[in-house]
C-alpha atoms as a PDB file:
ATOM      1  CA  MET A   1      -4.469 -12.602  -1.279  1.00  0.00           C
ATOM      2  CA  LEU A   2      -6.856 -15.523  -1.154  1.00  0.00           C
ATOM      3  CA  ARG A   3      -9.477 -13.028  -0.456  1.00  0.00           C
ATOM      4  CA  VAL A   4      -8.728 -10.930  -3.867  1.00  0.00           C
ATOM      5  CA  VAL A   5      -9.179 -13.897  -6.171  1.00  0.00           C
ATOM      6  CA  SER A   6     -11.999 -15.202  -4.028  1.00  0.00           C
ATOM      7  CA  ASP A   7     -13.730 -11.603  -4.970  1.00  0.00           C
ATOM      8  CA  ALA A   8     -12.513 -12.091  -8.519  1.00  0.00           C
ATOM      9  CA  GLN A   9     -13.663 -15.278  -9.012  1.00  0.00           C
ATOM     10  CA  THR A  10     -17.153 -14.350  -7.663  1.00  0.00           C
ATOM     11  CA  ALA A  11     -17.103 -11.605  -9.886  1.00  0.00           C
ATOM     12  CA  ALA A  12     -16.347 -14.014 -12.737  1.00  0.00           C
ATOM     13  CA  GLU A  13     -19.360 -16.222 -11.513  1.00  0.00           C
ATOM     14  CA  ARG A  14     -21.311 -12.601 -12.302  1.00  0.00           C
ATOM     15  CA  ARG A  15     -19.929 -12.063 -15.740  1.00  0.00           C
ATOM     16  CA  HIS A  16     -17.777  -9.026 -14.350  1.00  0.00           C
ATOM     17  CA  VAL A  17     -14.015  -8.249 -14.776  1.00  0.00           C
ATOM     18  CA  THR A  18     -11.668  -7.044 -11.768  1.00  0.00           C
ATOM     19  CA  LEU A  19      -9.218  -4.783 -12.206  1.00  0.00           C
ATOM     20  CA  LEU A  20      -6.832  -5.200 -10.100  1.00  0.00           C
ATOM     21  CA  GLY A  21      -4.165  -2.773  -9.163  1.00  0.00           C
ATOM     22  CA  LEU A  22      -0.687  -4.319  -7.440  1.00  0.00           C
ATOM     23  CA  LEU A  23       1.038  -1.034  -5.954  1.00  0.00           C
ATOM     24  CA  ASP A  24       4.746  -1.122  -5.300  1.00  0.00           C
ATOM     25  CA  MET A  25       5.955   1.193  -2.554  1.00  0.00           C
ATOM     26  CA  SER A  26       9.471   2.197  -2.917  1.00  0.00           C
ATOM     27  CA  ALA A  27      11.602   1.058   0.533  1.00  0.00           C
ATOM     28  CA  ALA A  28       8.352   1.346   2.775  1.00  0.00           C
ATOM     29  CA  VAL A  29       9.989  -0.545   5.302  1.00  0.00           C
ATOM     30  CA  ASP A  30      12.971   1.791   5.645  1.00  0.00           C
ATOM     31  CA  CYS A  31      10.982   4.930   5.419  1.00  0.00           C
ATOM     32  CA  VAL A  32       8.493   5.251   8.020  1.00  0.00           C
ATOM     33  CA  ASP A  33       8.365   8.219  10.373  1.00  0.00           C
ATOM     34  CA  HIS A  34       8.359   7.261  14.344  1.00  0.00           C
ATOM     35  CA  GLN A  35       6.611  10.469  14.909  1.00  0.00           C
ATOM     36  CA  LEU A  36       3.856  10.139  12.546  1.00  0.00           C
ATOM     37  CA  LEU A  37       3.902   6.205  13.449  1.00  0.00           C
ATOM     38  CA  LEU A  38       3.200   7.257  17.134  1.00  0.00           C
ATOM     39  CA  GLN A  39       1.034  10.007  16.360  1.00  0.00           C
ATOM     40  CA  ARG A  40      -1.433   7.974  14.647  1.00  0.00           C
ATOM     41  CA  LEU A  41      -0.975   4.826  17.051  1.00  0.00           C
ATOM     42  CA  GLU A  42      -2.519   7.263  19.447  1.00  0.00           C
ATOM     43  CA  LYS A  43      -5.007   8.723  17.537  1.00  0.00           C
ATOM     44  CA  HIS A  44      -5.998   6.110  15.462  1.00  0.00           C
ATOM     45  CA  CYS A  45      -5.501   3.183  17.683  1.00  0.00           C
ATOM     46  CA  GLY A  46      -6.364   4.647  20.802  1.00  0.00           C
ATOM     47  CA  LEU A  47      -3.108   3.971  22.536  1.00  0.00           C
ATOM     48  CA  HIS A  48      -2.529   6.006  25.488  1.00  0.00           C
ATOM     49  CA  GLY A  49      -0.306   6.147  28.369  1.00  0.00           C
ATOM     50  CA  SER A  50       2.436   3.235  29.281  1.00  0.00           C
ATOM     51  CA  VAL A  51       1.813   1.082  26.117  1.00  0.00           C
ATOM     52  CA  LEU A  52       2.432   4.397  24.176  1.00  0.00           C
ATOM     53  CA  ARG A  53       5.146   4.778  26.195  1.00  0.00           C
ATOM     54  CA  TRP A  54       6.749   1.639  25.288  1.00  0.00           C
ATOM     55  CA  MET A  55       6.491   1.885  21.784  1.00  0.00           C
ATOM     56  CA  THR A  56       8.331   5.555  21.993  1.00  0.00           C
ATOM     57  CA  LEU A  57      11.499   3.404  23.595  1.00  0.00           C
ATOM     58  CA  TYR A  58      11.024   0.751  21.190  1.00  0.00           C
ATOM     59  CA  LEU A  59      11.218   3.211  18.030  1.00  0.00           C
ATOM     60  CA  ALA A  60      13.572   6.003  19.911  1.00  0.00           C
ATOM     61  CA  GLY A  61      17.375   5.850  20.428  1.00  0.00           C
ATOM     62  CA  ARG A  62      18.165   3.392  17.650  1.00  0.00           C
ATOM     63  CA  ILE A  63      21.273   3.710  16.001  1.00  0.00           C
ATOM     64  CA  GLN A  64      23.034   2.080  12.713  1.00  0.00           C
ATOM     65  CA  LYS A  65      26.490   2.015  10.937  1.00  0.00           C
ATOM     66  CA  VAL A  66      27.356   1.377   7.910  1.00  0.00           C
ATOM     67  CA  LEU A  67      30.444  -1.783   7.503  1.00  0.00           C
ATOM     68  CA  TYR A  68      32.177  -1.523   3.947  1.00  0.00           C
ATOM     69  CA  SER A  69      35.212  -3.346   3.262  1.00  0.00           C
ATOM     70  CA  GLY A  70      35.960  -3.176   7.020  1.00  0.00           C
ATOM     71  CA  LEU A  71      35.218   0.438   7.370  1.00  0.00           C
ATOM     72  CA  SER A  72      33.068   1.726   9.813  1.00  0.00           C
ATOM     73  CA  SER A  73      31.037   4.717   9.971  1.00  0.00           C
ATOM     74  CA  GLU A  74      29.796   6.606  12.642  1.00  0.00           C
ATOM     75  CA  ALA A  75      26.612   5.556  14.227  1.00  0.00           C
ATOM     76  CA  GLN A  76      23.868   7.575  13.344  1.00  0.00           C
ATOM     77  CA  ARG A  77      20.564   8.052  14.917  1.00  0.00           C
ATOM     78  CA  VAL A  78      17.407   6.775  13.071  1.00  0.00           C
ATOM     79  CA  PHE A  79      14.506   8.177  12.940  1.00  0.00           C
ATOM     80  CA  TYR A  80      12.717   6.504  10.136  1.00  0.00           C
ATOM     81  CA  GLY A  81      11.934   2.805   9.817  1.00  0.00           C
ATOM     82  CA  VAL A  82      10.750  -0.408  11.580  1.00  0.00           C
ATOM     83  CA  PRO A  83      12.910  -3.306  12.891  1.00  0.00           C
ATOM     84  CA  GLN A  84      12.696  -5.427   9.607  1.00  0.00           C
ATOM     85  CA  GLY A  85      13.012  -9.408  11.142  1.00  0.00           C
ATOM     86  CA  SER A  86      10.908  -8.575  14.085  1.00  0.00           C
ATOM     87  CA  VAL A  87       8.095  -9.570  14.961  1.00  0.00           C
ATOM     88  CA  LEU A  88       6.794  -5.929  15.812  1.00  0.00           C
ATOM     89  CA  GLY A  89       8.127  -4.277  12.227  1.00  0.00           C
ATOM     90  CA  PRO A  90       5.115  -5.672   9.572  1.00  0.00           C
ATOM     91  CA  LEU A  91       2.380  -5.079  12.468  1.00  0.00           C
ATOM     92  CA  LEU A  92       3.413  -0.865  12.528  1.00  0.00           C
ATOM     93  CA  LEU A  93       4.217  -1.272   9.122  1.00  0.00           C
ATOM     94  CA  ASN A  94       0.226  -2.115   8.687  1.00  0.00           C
ATOM     95  CA  LEU A  95      -0.423   0.505  11.499  1.00  0.00           C
ATOM     96  CA  TYR A  96       1.242   3.051   9.801  1.00  0.00           C
ATOM     97  CA  LEU A  97      -0.861   2.228   6.790  1.00  0.00           C
ATOM     98  CA  ALA A  98      -4.257   1.501   8.732  1.00  0.00           C
ATOM     99  CA  SER A  99      -5.886   5.151   6.918  1.00  0.00           C
ATOM    100  CA  LEU A 100      -5.050   4.361   3.793  1.00  0.00           C
ATOM    101  CA  SER A 101      -8.093   2.052   3.471  1.00  0.00           C
ATOM    102  CA  SER A 102     -10.387   5.383   3.883  1.00  0.00           C
ATOM    103  CA  VAL A 103      -8.464   6.651   0.737  1.00  0.00           C
ATOM    104  CA  VAL A 104      -9.828   3.720  -1.359  1.00  0.00           C
ATOM    105  CA  SER A 105     -12.849   3.211  -0.308  1.00  0.00           C
ATOM    106  CA  GLU A 106     -14.129   6.526  -0.683  1.00  0.00           C
ATOM    107  CA  HIS A 107     -13.201   5.701  -4.512  1.00  0.00           C
ATOM    108  CA  GLY A 108     -15.624   2.543  -3.996  1.00  0.00           C
ATOM    109  CA  LEU A 109     -12.404   0.293  -4.198  1.00  0.00           C
ATOM    110  CA  ASN A 110     -11.763  -2.967  -2.516  1.00  0.00           C
ATOM    111  CA  LEU A 111      -7.997  -2.711  -0.403  1.00  0.00           C
ATOM    112  CA  HIS A 112      -6.655  -5.809   0.556  1.00  0.00           C
ATOM    113  CA  GLN A 113      -2.546  -5.134   2.225  1.00  0.00           C
ATOM    114  CA  TYR A 114      -0.282  -6.471   4.449  1.00  0.00           C
ATOM    115  CA  ALA A 115       3.219  -4.907   5.142  1.00  0.00           C
ATOM    116  CA  ASP A 116       3.963  -2.946   2.159  1.00  0.00           C
ATOM    117  CA  ASP A 117       2.509  -5.107  -0.148  1.00  0.00           C
ATOM    118  CA  CYS A 118      -1.282  -3.212  -1.121  1.00  0.00           C
ATOM    119  CA  GLN A 119      -3.744  -4.452  -3.857  1.00  0.00           C
ATOM    120  CA  LEU A 120      -6.561  -2.523  -4.512  1.00  0.00           C
ATOM    121  CA  TYR A 121      -9.396  -3.333  -7.187  1.00  0.00           C
ATOM    122  CA  LEU A 122     -12.880  -3.159  -7.892  1.00  0.00           C
ATOM    123  CA  SER A 123     -15.305  -5.403 -10.131  1.00  0.00           C
ATOM    124  CA  VAL A 124     -17.368  -4.209 -13.260  1.00  0.00           C
ATOM    125  CA  PRO A 125     -19.753  -5.775 -15.894  1.00  0.00           C
ATOM    126  CA  VAL A 126     -17.915  -5.817 -18.943  1.00  0.00           C
ATOM    127  CA  ASP A 127     -19.075  -3.052 -20.871  1.00  0.00           C
ATOM    128  CA  ASP A 128     -18.403  -0.739 -17.898  1.00  0.00           C
ATOM    129  CA  ALA A 129     -14.713  -1.308 -17.425  1.00  0.00           C
ATOM    130  CA  PRO A 130     -13.423   1.620 -19.971  1.00  0.00           C
ATOM    131  CA  SER A 131     -15.649   3.873 -17.197  1.00  0.00           C
ATOM    132  CA  ALA A 132     -13.801   2.009 -14.228  1.00  0.00           C
ATOM    133  CA  VAL A 133     -10.560   3.435 -15.463  1.00  0.00           C
ATOM    134  CA  THR A 134     -11.221   7.054 -14.354  1.00  0.00           C
ATOM    135  CA  PRO A 135     -12.148   5.939 -10.742  1.00  0.00           C
ATOM    136  CA  LEU A 136      -8.990   3.791 -10.531  1.00  0.00           C
ATOM    137  CA  SER A 137      -7.090   6.006 -12.131  1.00  0.00           C
ATOM    138  CA  GLN A 138      -7.845   9.008  -9.242  1.00  0.00           C
ATOM    139  CA  CYS A 139      -7.547   6.235  -6.843  1.00  0.00           C
ATOM    140  CA  VAL A 140      -4.341   5.526  -7.694  1.00  0.00           C
ATOM    141  CA  ALA A 141      -3.152   9.223  -7.764  1.00  0.00           C
ATOM    142  CA  ASP A 142      -4.542   9.771  -4.642  1.00  0.00           C
ATOM    143  CA  VAL A 143      -3.217   6.613  -2.786  1.00  0.00           C
ATOM    144  CA  ALA A 144      -0.062   7.975  -4.235  1.00  0.00           C
ATOM    145  CA  GLU A 145      -0.596  11.286  -2.154  1.00  0.00           C
ATOM    146  CA  TRP A 146      -1.334   9.849   0.824  1.00  0.00           C
ATOM    147  CA  LEU A 147       1.749   8.173   0.656  1.00  0.00           C
ATOM    148  CA  SER A 148       3.659  10.596  -0.162  1.00  0.00           C
ATOM    149  CA  ALA A 149       1.937  13.635   2.668  1.00  0.00           C
ATOM    150  CA  SER A 150       2.953   9.696   4.846  1.00  0.00           C
ATOM    151  CA  ARG A 151       6.751  10.376   3.726  1.00  0.00           C
ATOM    152  CA  LEU A 152       6.395   6.967   1.602  1.00  0.00           C
ATOM    153  CA  ARG A 153       6.327   6.825  -2.367  1.00  0.00           C
ATOM    154  CA  LEU A 154       4.471   4.958  -4.946  1.00  0.00           C
ATOM    155  CA  ASN A 155       6.787   3.180  -7.181  1.00  0.00           C
ATOM    156  CA  PRO A 156       4.682   3.194 -10.747  1.00  0.00           C
ATOM    157  CA  ASP A 157       7.628   1.746 -12.673  1.00  0.00           C
ATOM    158  CA  LYS A 158       7.223  -1.698 -10.482  1.00  0.00           C
ATOM    159  CA  SER A 159       3.189  -1.379 -10.306  1.00  0.00           C
ATOM    160  CA  VAL A 160       0.975  -3.571 -12.416  1.00  0.00           C
ATOM    161  CA  ILE A 161      -2.109  -3.119 -13.620  1.00  0.00           C
ATOM    162  CA  MET A 162      -3.857  -6.309 -14.266  1.00  0.00           C
ATOM    163  CA  ARG A 163      -7.448  -7.667 -15.919  1.00  0.00           C
ATOM    164  CA  LEU A 164      -8.783 -10.511 -13.972  1.00  0.00           C
ATOM    165  CA  GLY A 165     -12.099 -12.851 -15.104  1.00  0.00           C
ATOM    166  CA  SER A 166     -13.221 -15.579 -17.383  1.00  0.00           C
ATOM    167  CA  LYS A 167     -10.928 -15.428 -20.709  1.00  0.00           C
ATOM    168  CA  HIS A 168     -14.231 -14.955 -22.635  1.00  0.00           C
ATOM    169  CA  GLN A 169     -14.622 -11.668 -20.318  1.00  0.00           C
ATOM    170  CA  VAL A 170     -11.241 -10.502 -20.057  1.00  0.00           C
ATOM    171  CA  GLU A 171     -10.829 -10.585 -24.435  1.00  0.00           C
ATOM    172  CA  LYS A 172     -13.865  -7.824 -24.552  1.00  0.00           C
ATOM    173  CA  VAL A 173     -12.284  -5.433 -22.383  1.00  0.00           C
ATOM    174  CA  THR A 174     -10.641  -3.100 -24.677  1.00  0.00           C
ATOM    175  CA  ILE A 175      -8.530  -0.988 -22.343  1.00  0.00           C
ATOM    176  CA  HIS A 176      -4.720  -1.270 -23.195  1.00  0.00           C
ATOM    177  CA  ASP A 177      -3.252   1.588 -20.841  1.00  0.00           C
ATOM    178  CA  ILE A 178      -4.103   2.914 -17.521  1.00  0.00           C
ATOM    179  CA  PRO A 179      -3.284   6.354 -17.072  1.00  0.00           C
ATOM    180  CA  VAL A 180      -1.681   6.126 -13.458  1.00  0.00           C
ATOM    181  CA  LEU A 181       0.233   9.464 -12.630  1.00  0.00           C
ATOM    182  CA  GLN A 182       2.601  10.621 -14.929  1.00  0.00           C
ATOM    183  CA  SER A 183       2.574   6.856 -16.691  1.00  0.00           C
ATOM    184  CA  SER A 184       0.689   4.288 -18.375  1.00  0.00           C
ATOM    185  CA  LEU A 185       0.008   1.189 -16.881  1.00  0.00           C
END
């Protein structure tokens, strides 16, 4: 997050405003597809041989059951999600989401992410802020499509778009709503 703040401050010093999208992914940690993760680890991260087999064994054979009021469900195999509370959980989620950066960069925006926290942003002169809405909206739509193809979901109800800059610069920006998917932020 320090990088985002630093970039926004640098832009403000140049009399630019920054449009920042704080995107919420619904239950991302629980929805990571193990097979897709293993494919990405091999294709994008170059894991092969014994390391890839170790990762496969780490994810395979997991089970879960529900305990409620002293009753227990039958154990079920788990094919989705990364272990929470583990050292590898956030790392595996970051690797699963790694190619999201190429989607964002195609729109000329910057991306900062860690685990399921995702911020995308661009800085423009104040007068160009209204024209920056279109690439921002299209980028968010493409991110949502990429997430869907990755078995994840963008939650527009919990996502936020902010304007950052000096008080004087932000007051000049006349954007009130930014269309994102079927809603407006």
